[in-house]
Amino acid sequence: MDSRFLNVVVNGDSMWPTLKQGSTARFERIDSTLVEVGQVVLLDHPFRPNLRIIKRIQSMQNGRLFIVGDNPDPTASEDSHNFGEVDVSSVIAILVSQ
């Protein structure tokens, strides 16, 4: 199996309707400098080192990312609204298929 790719089982509803609870999403490891606004990314939670999260890049400025969940319910996602911008180096991979 190609180690560039990661299959991740979605846990939670923060990315609904794009990604549903229990579905498997395929991510590709990339150089974090190649991320773009609008991409769905896998990254380390900024305050919980053993937790990986899936979010969409809403904006980026000076190597800092504002990441959000797709769920329109504002209480459904812990994201940059809660913990602020994250460093681009925290990105592990980008979504390639769902």
PDB file of N, CA and C in Angstrom:
ATOM      1  N   MET A   1       0.837  -1.191   0.000  1.00  0.00           N
ATOM      2  CA  MET A   1       0.000   0.000   0.000  1.00  0.00           C
ATOM      3  C   MET A   1       0.880   1.252   0.000  1.00  0.00           C
ATOM      4  N   ASP A   2       0.451   2.253  -0.716  1.00  0.00           N
ATOM      5  CA  ASP A   2       1.200   3.496  -0.850  1.00  0.00           C
ATOM      6  C   ASP A   2       1.094   4.309   0.449  1.00  0.00           C
ATOM      7  N   SER A   3       2.208   4.605   1.072  1.00  0.00           N
ATOM      8  CA  SER A   3       2.197   5.315   2.352  1.00  0.00           C
ATOM      9  C   SER A   3       1.851   6.794   2.205  1.00  0.00           C
ATOM     10  N   ARG A   4       1.715   7.274   0.964  1.00  0.00           N
ATOM     11  CA  ARG A   4       1.285   8.661   0.773  1.00  0.00           C
ATOM     12  C   ARG A   4      -0.180   8.848   1.127  1.00  0.00           C
ATOM     13  N   PHE A   5      -0.933   7.742   1.123  1.00  0.00           N
ATOM     14  CA  PHE A   5      -2.373   7.836   1.328  1.00  0.00           C
ATOM     15  C   PHE A   5      -2.782   7.314   2.700  1.00  0.00           C
ATOM     16  N   LEU A   6      -3.791   7.959   3.271  1.00  0.00           N
ATOM     17  CA  LEU A   6      -4.343   7.559   4.566  1.00  0.00           C
ATOM     18  C   LEU A   6      -5.854   7.403   4.407  1.00  0.00           C
ATOM     19  N   ASN A   7      -6.389   6.301   4.874  1.00  0.00           N
ATOM     20  CA  ASN A   7      -7.837   6.123   4.930  1.00  0.00           C
ATOM     21  C   ASN A   7      -8.269   6.418   6.360  1.00  0.00           C
ATOM     22  N   VAL A   8      -9.181   7.363   6.502  1.00  0.00           N
ATOM     23  CA  VAL A   8      -9.600   7.832   7.820  1.00  0.00           C
ATOM     24  C   VAL A   8     -11.100   7.638   7.971  1.00  0.00           C
ATOM     25  N   VAL A   9     -11.509   7.011   9.065  1.00  0.00           N
ATOM     26  CA  VAL A   9     -12.932   6.860   9.371  1.00  0.00           C
ATOM     27  C   VAL A   9     -13.391   8.132  10.078  1.00  0.00           C
ATOM     28  N   VAL A  10     -14.430   8.742   9.551  1.00  0.00           N
ATOM     29  CA  VAL A  10     -14.947  10.003  10.084  1.00  0.00           C
ATOM     30  C   VAL A  10     -15.668   9.745  11.402  1.00  0.00           C
ATOM     31  N   ASN A  11     -15.312  10.522  12.419  1.00  0.00           N
ATOM     32  CA  ASN A  11     -15.919  10.414  13.736  1.00  0.00           C
ATOM     33  C   ASN A  11     -16.525  11.773  14.084  1.00  0.00           C
ATOM     34  N   GLY A  12     -17.832  11.882  14.005  1.00  0.00           N
ATOM     35  CA  GLY A  12     -18.495  13.147  14.314  1.00  0.00           C
ATOM     36  C   GLY A  12     -19.184  13.740  13.102  1.00  0.00           C
ATOM     37  N   ASP A  13     -19.904  14.840  13.357  1.00  0.00           N
ATOM     38  CA  ASP A  13     -20.707  15.470  12.310  1.00  0.00           C
ATOM     39  C   ASP A  13     -20.205  16.846  11.890  1.00  0.00           C
ATOM     40  N   SER A  14     -19.004  17.225  12.284  1.00  0.00           N
ATOM     41  CA  SER A  14     -18.541  18.582  11.984  1.00  0.00           C
ATOM     42  C   SER A  14     -18.368  18.848  10.495  1.00  0.00           C
ATOM     43  N   MET A  15     -18.136  17.806   9.692  1.00  0.00           N
ATOM     44  CA  MET A  15     -17.943  17.996   8.248  1.00  0.00           C
ATOM     45  C   MET A  15     -19.167  17.578   7.434  1.00  0.00           C
ATOM     46  N   TRP A  16     -20.297  17.304   8.101  1.00  0.00           N
ATOM     47  CA  TRP A  16     -21.525  16.976   7.392  1.00  0.00           C
ATOM     48  C   TRP A  16     -21.988  18.204   6.630  1.00  0.00           C
ATOM     49  N   PRO A  17     -22.482  18.144   5.427  1.00  0.00           N
ATOM     50  CA  PRO A  17     -22.834  16.958   4.661  1.00  0.00           C
ATOM     51  C   PRO A  17     -21.695  16.416   3.785  1.00  0.00           C
ATOM     52  N   THR A  18     -20.547  17.069   3.768  1.00  0.00           N
ATOM     53  CA  THR A  18     -19.439  16.612   2.921  1.00  0.00           C
ATOM     54  C   THR A  18     -18.971  15.222   3.329  1.00  0.00           C
ATOM     55  N   LEU A  19     -18.740  15.038   4.619  1.00  0.00           N
ATOM     56  CA  LEU A  19     -18.304  13.748   5.156  1.00  0.00           C
ATOM     57  C   LEU A  19     -19.258  13.347   6.266  1.00  0.00           C
ATOM     58  N   LYS A  20     -19.738  12.134   6.191  1.00  0.00           N
ATOM     59  CA  LYS A  20     -20.715  11.663   7.176  1.00  0.00           C
ATOM     60  C   LYS A  20     -20.062  10.767   8.224  1.00  0.00           C
ATOM     61  N   GLN A  21     -20.604  10.801   9.427  1.00  0.00           N
ATOM     62  CA  GLN A  21     -20.178   9.950  10.539  1.00  0.00           C
ATOM     63  C   GLN A  21     -20.063   8.507  10.062  1.00  0.00           C
ATOM     64  N   GLY A  22     -18.919   7.874  10.312  1.00  0.00           N
ATOM     65  CA  GLY A  22     -18.724   6.475   9.969  1.00  0.00           C
ATOM     66  C   GLY A  22     -18.214   6.220   8.562  1.00  0.00           C
ATOM     67  N   SER A  23     -18.230   7.250   7.708  1.00  0.00           N
ATOM     68  CA  SER A  23     -17.726   7.051   6.346  1.00  0.00           C
ATOM     69  C   SER A  23     -16.195   7.057   6.354  1.00  0.00           C
ATOM     70  N   THR A  24     -15.609   6.562   5.278  1.00  0.00           N
ATOM     71  CA  THR A  24     -14.155   6.541   5.164  1.00  0.00           C
ATOM     72  C   THR A  24     -13.737   7.576   4.127  1.00  0.00           C
ATOM     73  N   ALA A  25     -12.786   8.418   4.511  1.00  0.00           N
ATOM     74  CA  ALA A  25     -12.259   9.447   3.615  1.00  0.00           C
ATOM     75  C   ALA A  25     -10.797   9.125   3.313  1.00  0.00           C
ATOM     76  N   ARG A  26     -10.404   9.379   2.069  1.00  0.00           N
ATOM     77  CA  ARG A  26      -9.023   9.095   1.642  1.00  0.00           C
ATOM     78  C   ARG A  26      -8.267  10.413   1.547  1.00  0.00           C
ATOM     79  N   PHE A  27      -7.145  10.471   2.237  1.00  0.00           N
ATOM     80  CA  PHE A  27      -6.300  11.653   2.262  1.00  0.00           C
ATOM     81  C   PHE A  27      -4.938  11.329   1.666  1.00  0.00           C
ATOM     82  N   GLU A  28      -4.311  12.358   1.079  1.00  0.00           N
ATOM     83  CA  GLU A  28      -2.959  12.204   0.549  1.00  0.00           C
ATOM     84  C   GLU A  28      -2.018  13.124   1.316  1.00  0.00           C
ATOM     85  N   ARG A  29      -0.924  12.534   1.786  1.00  0.00           N
ATOM     86  CA  ARG A  29       0.095  13.331   2.471  1.00  0.00           C
ATOM     87  C   ARG A  29       0.757  14.248   1.445  1.00  0.00           C
ATOM     88  N   ILE A  30       0.860  15.526   1.789  1.00  0.00           N
ATOM     89  CA  ILE A  30       1.517  16.482   0.899  1.00  0.00           C
ATOM     90  C   ILE A  30       2.376  17.424   1.721  1.00  0.00           C
ATOM     91  N   ASP A  31       3.221  18.140   1.044  1.00  0.00           N
ATOM     92  CA  ASP A  31       3.992  19.203   1.682  1.00  0.00           C
ATOM     93  C   ASP A  31       2.985  20.279   2.102  1.00  0.00           C
ATOM     94  N   SER A  32       2.996  20.671   3.356  1.00  0.00           N
ATOM     95  CA  SER A  32       1.988  21.605   3.863  1.00  0.00           C
ATOM     96  C   SER A  32       2.023  22.960   3.155  1.00  0.00           C
ATOM     97  N   THR A  33       3.090  23.285   2.474  1.00  0.00           N
ATOM     98  CA  THR A  33       3.136  24.565   1.758  1.00  0.00           C
ATOM     99  C   THR A  33       2.261  24.545   0.509  1.00  0.00           C
ATOM    100  N   LEU A  34       1.727  23.375   0.136  1.00  0.00           N
ATOM    101  CA  LEU A  34       0.913  23.257  -1.072  1.00  0.00           C
ATOM    102  C   LEU A  34      -0.587  23.346  -0.807  1.00  0.00           C
ATOM    103  N   VAL A  35      -0.979  23.596   0.433  1.00  0.00           N
ATOM    104  CA  VAL A  35      -2.409  23.674   0.738  1.00  0.00           C
ATOM    105  C   VAL A  35      -3.019  24.952   0.179  1.00  0.00           C
ATOM    106  N   GLU A  36      -4.323  24.877  -0.113  1.00  0.00           N
ATOM    107  CA  GLU A  36      -5.036  26.009  -0.697  1.00  0.00           C
ATOM    108  C   GLU A  36      -6.363  26.224   0.020  1.00  0.00           C
ATOM    109  N   VAL A  37      -6.853  27.446  -0.037  1.00  0.00           N
ATOM    110  CA  VAL A  37      -8.163  27.768   0.514  1.00  0.00           C
ATOM    111  C   VAL A  37      -9.209  26.888  -0.174  1.00  0.00           C
ATOM    112  N   GLY A  38     -10.123  26.355   0.611  1.00  0.00           N
ATOM    113  CA  GLY A  38     -11.187  25.504   0.092  1.00  0.00           C
ATOM    114  C   GLY A  38     -10.918  24.023   0.243  1.00  0.00           C
ATOM    115  N   GLN A  39      -9.656  23.642   0.445  1.00  0.00           N
ATOM    116  CA  GLN A  39      -9.333  22.221   0.598  1.00  0.00           C
ATOM    117  C   GLN A  39      -9.786  21.698   1.958  1.00  0.00           C
ATOM    118  N   VAL A  40     -10.157  20.421   1.962  1.00  0.00           N
ATOM    119  CA  VAL A  40     -10.449  19.716   3.215  1.00  0.00           C
ATOM    120  C   VAL A  40      -9.153  19.035   3.622  1.00  0.00           C
ATOM    121  N   VAL A  41      -8.742  19.267   4.871  1.00  0.00           N
ATOM    122  CA  VAL A  41      -7.449  18.774   5.336  1.00  0.00           C
ATOM    123  C   VAL A  41      -7.581  17.958   6.611  1.00  0.00           C
ATOM    124  N   LEU A  42      -6.608  17.084   6.802  1.00  0.00           N
ATOM    125  CA  LEU A  42      -6.447  16.312   8.029  1.00  0.00           C
ATOM    126  C   LEU A  42      -5.301  16.966   8.784  1.00  0.00           C
ATOM    127  N   LEU A  43      -5.512  17.275  10.054  1.00  0.00           N
ATOM    128  CA  LEU A  43      -4.471  17.940  10.817  1.00  0.00           C
ATOM    129  C   LEU A  43      -4.556  17.568  12.283  1.00  0.00           C
ATOM    130  N   ASP A  44      -3.500  17.889  12.992  1.00  0.00           N
ATOM    131  CA  ASP A  44      -3.466  17.668  14.432  1.00  0.00           C
ATOM    132  C   ASP A  44      -4.230  18.785  15.124  1.00  0.00           C
ATOM    133  N   HIS A  45      -5.041  18.412  16.108  1.00  0.00           N
ATOM    134  CA  HIS A  45      -5.759  19.398  16.916  1.00  0.00           C
ATOM    135  C   HIS A  45      -4.717  20.260  17.636  1.00  0.00           C
ATOM    136  N   PRO A  46      -4.911  21.584  17.653  1.00  0.00           N
ATOM    137  CA  PRO A  46      -3.883  22.447  18.254  1.00  0.00           C
ATOM    138  C   PRO A  46      -3.691  22.278  19.759  1.00  0.00           C
ATOM    139  N   PHE A  47      -4.701  21.770  20.474  1.00  0.00           N
ATOM    140  CA  PHE A  47      -4.576  21.649  21.926  1.00  0.00           C
ATOM    141  C   PHE A  47      -4.665  20.225  22.442  1.00  0.00           C
ATOM    142  N   ARG A  48      -5.006  19.288  21.565  1.00  0.00           N
ATOM    143  CA  ARG A  48      -5.082  17.877  21.963  1.00  0.00           C
ATOM    144  C   ARG A  48      -4.158  17.075  21.051  1.00  0.00           C
ATOM    145  N   PRO A  49      -2.933  16.840  21.493  1.00  0.00           N
ATOM    146  CA  PRO A  49      -1.919  16.249  20.623  1.00  0.00           C
ATOM    147  C   PRO A  49      -2.241  14.861  20.087  1.00  0.00           C
ATOM    148  N   ASN A  50      -3.117  14.126  20.712  1.00  0.00           N
ATOM    149  CA  ASN A  50      -3.445  12.784  20.240  1.00  0.00           C
ATOM    150  C   ASN A  50      -4.716  12.743  19.399  1.00  0.00           C
ATOM    151  N   LEU A  51      -5.199  13.905  18.971  1.00  0.00           N
ATOM    152  CA  LEU A  51      -6.445  13.979  18.212  1.00  0.00           C
ATOM    153  C   LEU A  51      -6.185  14.588  16.842  1.00  0.00           C
ATOM    154  N   ARG A  52      -6.626  13.883  15.812  1.00  0.00           N
ATOM    155  CA  ARG A  52      -6.561  14.415  14.450  1.00  0.00           C
ATOM    156  C   ARG A  52      -7.965  14.867  14.072  1.00  0.00           C
ATOM    157  N   ILE A  53      -8.028  15.984  13.359  1.00  0.00           N
ATOM    158  CA  ILE A  53      -9.315  16.548  12.975  1.00  0.00           C
ATOM    159  C   ILE A  53      -9.356  16.776  11.459  1.00  0.00           C
ATOM    160  N   ILE A  54     -10.567  16.823  10.928  1.00  0.00           N
ATOM    161  CA  ILE A  54     -10.794  17.086   9.509  1.00  0.00           C
ATOM    162  C   ILE A  54     -11.556  18.399   9.419  1.00  0.00           C
ATOM    163  N   LYS A  55     -11.011  19.346   8.684  1.00  0.00           N
ATOM    164  CA  LYS A  55     -11.643  20.662   8.533  1.00  0.00           C
ATOM    165  C   LYS A  55     -11.374  21.204   7.140  1.00  0.00           C
ATOM    166  N   ARG A  56     -12.120  22.252   6.769  1.00  0.00           N
ATOM    167  CA  ARG A  56     -11.915  22.936   5.500  1.00  0.00           C
ATOM    168  C   ARG A  56     -11.142  24.235   5.757  1.00  0.00           C
ATOM    169  N   ILE A  57     -10.207  24.540   4.870  1.00  0.00           N
ATOM    170  CA  ILE A  57      -9.467  25.798   4.979  1.00  0.00           C
ATOM    171  C   ILE A  57     -10.357  26.916   4.450  1.00  0.00           C
ATOM    172  N   GLN A  58     -10.752  27.824   5.340  1.00  0.00           N
ATOM    173  CA  GLN A  58     -11.604  28.939   4.943  1.00  0.00           C
ATOM    174  C   GLN A  58     -10.769  30.120   4.457  1.00  0.00           C
ATOM    175  N   SER A  59      -9.628  30.325   5.108  1.00  0.00           N
ATOM    176  CA  SER A  59      -8.736  31.403   4.674  1.00  0.00           C
ATOM    177  C   SER A  59      -7.327  31.113   5.169  1.00  0.00           C
ATOM    178  N   MET A  60      -6.367  31.760   4.535  1.00  0.00           N
ATOM    179  CA  MET A  60      -4.979  31.615   4.976  1.00  0.00           C
ATOM    180  C   MET A  60      -4.265  32.937   4.756  1.00  0.00           C
ATOM    181  N   GLN A  61      -3.409  33.246   5.745  1.00  0.00           N
ATOM    182  CA  GLN A  61      -2.661  34.486   5.689  1.00  0.00           C
ATOM    183  C   GLN A  61      -1.360  34.298   6.464  1.00  0.00           C
ATOM    184  N   ASN A  62      -0.244  34.612   5.832  1.00  0.00           N
ATOM    185  CA  ASN A  62       1.073  34.530   6.477  1.00  0.00           C
ATOM    186  C   ASN A  62       1.334  33.160   7.124  1.00  0.00           C
ATOM    187  N   GLY A  63       1.008  32.079   6.436  1.00  0.00           N
ATOM    188  CA  GLY A  63       1.267  30.738   6.959  1.00  0.00           C
ATOM    189  C   GLY A  63       0.333  30.295   8.051  1.00  0.00           C
ATOM    190  N   ARG A  64      -0.762  31.029   8.307  1.00  0.00           N
ATOM    191  CA  ARG A  64      -1.761  30.686   9.319  1.00  0.00           C
ATOM    192  C   ARG A  64      -3.073  30.368   8.616  1.00  0.00           C
ATOM    193  N   LEU A  65      -3.741  29.320   9.085  1.00  0.00           N
ATOM    194  CA  LEU A  65      -4.972  28.855   8.469  1.00  0.00           C
ATOM    195  C   LEU A  65      -6.159  29.075   9.392  1.00  0.00           C
ATOM    196  N   PHE A  66      -7.266  29.545   8.833  1.00  0.00           N
ATOM    197  CA  PHE A  66      -8.532  29.583   9.560  1.00  0.00           C
ATOM    198  C   PHE A  66      -9.319  28.408   9.022  1.00  0.00           C
ATOM    199  N   ILE A  67      -9.570  27.415   9.878  1.00  0.00           N
ATOM    200  CA  ILE A  67     -10.194  26.167   9.461  1.00  0.00           C
ATOM    201  C   ILE A  67     -11.565  26.028  10.100  1.00  0.00           C
ATOM    202  N   VAL A  68     -12.508  25.473   9.333  1.00  0.00           N
ATOM    203  CA  VAL A  68     -13.887  25.347   9.808  1.00  0.00           C
ATOM    204  C   VAL A  68     -14.474  24.005   9.393  1.00  0.00           C
ATOM    205  N   GLY A  69     -15.506  23.595  10.103  1.00  0.00           N
ATOM    206  CA  GLY A  69     -16.289  22.432   9.699  1.00  0.00           C
ATOM    207  C   GLY A  69     -17.335  22.869   8.686  1.00  0.00           C
ATOM    208  N   ASP A  70     -17.831  21.926   7.896  1.00  0.00           N
ATOM    209  CA  ASP A  70     -18.849  22.244   6.886  1.00  0.00           C
ATOM    210  C   ASP A  70     -20.263  22.280   7.449  1.00  0.00           C
ATOM    211  N   ASN A  71     -20.482  21.674   8.616  1.00  0.00           N
ATOM    212  CA  ASN A  71     -21.818  21.604   9.191  1.00  0.00           C
ATOM    213  C   ASN A  71     -22.325  23.025   9.474  1.00  0.00           C
ATOM    214  N   PRO A  72     -23.522  23.372   8.953  1.00  0.00           N
ATOM    215  CA  PRO A  72     -24.037  24.724   9.171  1.00  0.00           C
ATOM    216  C   PRO A  72     -24.426  25.025  10.622  1.00  0.00           C
ATOM    217  N   ASP A  73     -24.555  24.001  11.450  1.00  0.00           N
ATOM    218  CA  ASP A  73     -24.854  24.201  12.868  1.00  0.00           C
ATOM    219  C   ASP A  73     -23.571  24.665  13.559  1.00  0.00           C
ATOM    220  N   PRO A  74     -23.539  25.891  14.070  1.00  0.00           N
ATOM    221  CA  PRO A  74     -22.300  26.415  14.658  1.00  0.00           C
ATOM    222  C   PRO A  74     -21.815  25.649  15.889  1.00  0.00           C
ATOM    223  N   THR A  75     -22.683  24.874  16.508  1.00  0.00           N
ATOM    224  CA  THR A  75     -22.260  24.104  17.684  1.00  0.00           C
ATOM    225  C   THR A  75     -21.734  22.723  17.304  1.00  0.00           C
ATOM    226  N   ALA A  76     -21.762  22.379  16.012  1.00  0.00           N
ATOM    227  CA  ALA A  76     -21.389  21.032  15.567  1.00  0.00           C
ATOM    228  C   ALA A  76     -19.890  20.866  15.328  1.00  0.00           C
ATOM    229  N   SER A  77     -19.140  21.967  15.335  1.00  0.00           N
ATOM    230  CA  SER A  77     -17.730  21.867  14.992  1.00  0.00           C
ATOM    231  C   SER A  77     -16.859  22.652  15.961  1.00  0.00           C
ATOM    232  N   GLU A  78     -15.806  21.992  16.413  1.00  0.00           N
ATOM    233  CA  GLU A  78     -14.764  22.707  17.151  1.00  0.00           C
ATOM    234  C   GLU A  78     -13.709  23.049  16.118  1.00  0.00           C
ATOM    235  N   ASP A  79     -13.549  24.347  15.855  1.00  0.00           N
ATOM    236  CA  ASP A  79     -12.670  24.769  14.777  1.00  0.00           C
ATOM    237  C   ASP A  79     -12.026  26.104  15.128  1.00  0.00           C
ATOM    238  N   SER A  80     -11.572  26.843  14.129  1.00  0.00           N
ATOM    239  CA  SER A  80     -10.883  28.108  14.394  1.00  0.00           C
ATOM    240  C   SER A  80     -11.775  29.138  15.074  1.00  0.00           C
ATOM    241  N   HIS A  81     -13.087  28.968  15.006  1.00  0.00           N
ATOM    242  CA  HIS A  81     -13.971  29.847  15.773  1.00  0.00           C
ATOM    243  C   HIS A  81     -13.725  29.668  17.268  1.00  0.00           C
ATOM    244  N   ASN A  82     -13.297  28.459  17.655  1.00  0.00           N
ATOM    245  CA  ASN A  82     -13.043  28.150  19.060  1.00  0.00           C
ATOM    246  C   ASN A  82     -11.585  28.349  19.456  1.00  0.00           C
ATOM    247  N   PHE A  83     -10.657  27.869  18.619  1.00  0.00           N
ATOM    248  CA  PHE A  83      -9.242  27.879  19.021  1.00  0.00           C
ATOM    249  C   PHE A  83      -8.350  28.784  18.181  1.00  0.00           C
ATOM    250  N   GLY A  84      -8.923  29.535  17.274  1.00  0.00           N
ATOM    251  CA  GLY A  84      -8.142  30.478  16.478  1.00  0.00           C
ATOM    252  C   GLY A  84      -7.444  29.827  15.294  1.00  0.00           C
ATOM    253  N   GLU A  85      -6.627  30.607  14.644  1.00  0.00           N
ATOM    254  CA  GLU A  85      -5.897  30.117  13.477  1.00  0.00           C
ATOM    255  C   GLU A  85      -4.869  29.074  13.891  1.00  0.00           C
ATOM    256  N   VAL A  86      -4.538  28.191  12.942  1.00  0.00           N
ATOM    257  CA  VAL A  86      -3.526  27.166  13.183  1.00  0.00           C
ATOM    258  C   VAL A  86      -2.392  27.344  12.183  1.00  0.00           C
ATOM    259  N   ASP A  87      -1.234  26.838  12.529  1.00  0.00           N
ATOM    260  CA  ASP A  87      -0.089  26.930  11.642  1.00  0.00           C
ATOM    261  C   ASP A  87      -0.218  25.934  10.499  1.00  0.00           C
ATOM    262  N   VAL A  88       0.192  26.327   9.325  1.00  0.00           N
ATOM    263  CA  VAL A  88       0.105  25.470   8.143  1.00  0.00           C
ATOM    264  C   VAL A  88       0.883  24.166   8.339  1.00  0.00           C
ATOM    265  N   SER A  89       1.891  24.180   9.198  1.00  0.00           N
ATOM    266  CA  SER A  89       2.693  22.973   9.433  1.00  0.00           C
ATOM    267  C   SER A  89       1.907  21.878  10.149  1.00  0.00           C
ATOM    268  N   SER A  90       0.728  22.194  10.703  1.00  0.00           N
ATOM    269  CA  SER A  90      -0.070  21.176  11.387  1.00  0.00           C
ATOM    270  C   SER A  90      -0.850  20.296  10.400  1.00  0.00           C
ATOM    271  N   VAL A  91      -0.894  20.689   9.123  1.00  0.00           N
ATOM    272  CA  VAL A  91      -1.598  19.914   8.107  1.00  0.00           C
ATOM    273  C   VAL A  91      -0.814  18.640   7.803  1.00  0.00           C
ATOM    274  N   ILE A  92      -1.515  17.526   7.853  1.00  0.00           N
ATOM    275  CA  ILE A  92      -0.906  16.217   7.577  1.00  0.00           C
ATOM    276  C   ILE A  92      -1.177  15.791   6.136  1.00  0.00           C
ATOM    277  N   ALA A  93      -2.433  16.012   5.690  1.00  0.00           N
ATOM    278  CA  ALA A  93      -2.831  15.518   4.375  1.00  0.00           C
ATOM    279  C   ALA A  93      -4.061  16.259   3.891  1.00  0.00           C
ATOM    280  N   ILE A  94      -4.341  16.140   2.568  1.00  0.00           N
ATOM    281  CA  ILE A  94      -5.528  16.736   1.977  1.00  0.00           C
ATOM    282  C   ILE A  94      -6.488  15.644   1.503  1.00  0.00           C
ATOM    283  N   LEU A  95      -7.778  15.960   1.511  1.00  0.00           N
ATOM    284  CA  LEU A  95      -8.794  15.012   1.065  1.00  0.00           C
ATOM    285  C   LEU A  95      -8.684  14.816  -0.445  1.00  0.00           C
ATOM    286  N   VAL A  96      -8.631  13.543  -0.867  1.00  0.00           N
ATOM    287  CA  VAL A  96      -8.618  13.258  -2.300  1.00  0.00           C
ATOM    288  C   VAL A  96      -9.872  12.524  -2.760  1.00  0.00           C
ATOM    289  N   SER A  97     -10.535  11.812  -1.867  1.00  0.00           N
ATOM    290  CA  SER A  97     -11.809  11.171  -2.221  1.00  0.00           C
ATOM    291  C   SER A  97     -12.572  10.806  -0.956  1.00  0.00           C
ATOM    292  N   GLN A  98     -13.890  10.679  -1.141  1.00  0.00           N
ATOM    293  CA  GLN A  98     -14.736  10.345   0.007  1.00  0.00           C
ATOM    294  C   GLN A  98     -15.640   9.210  -0.330  1.00  0.00           C
TER     295      GLN A  98
END
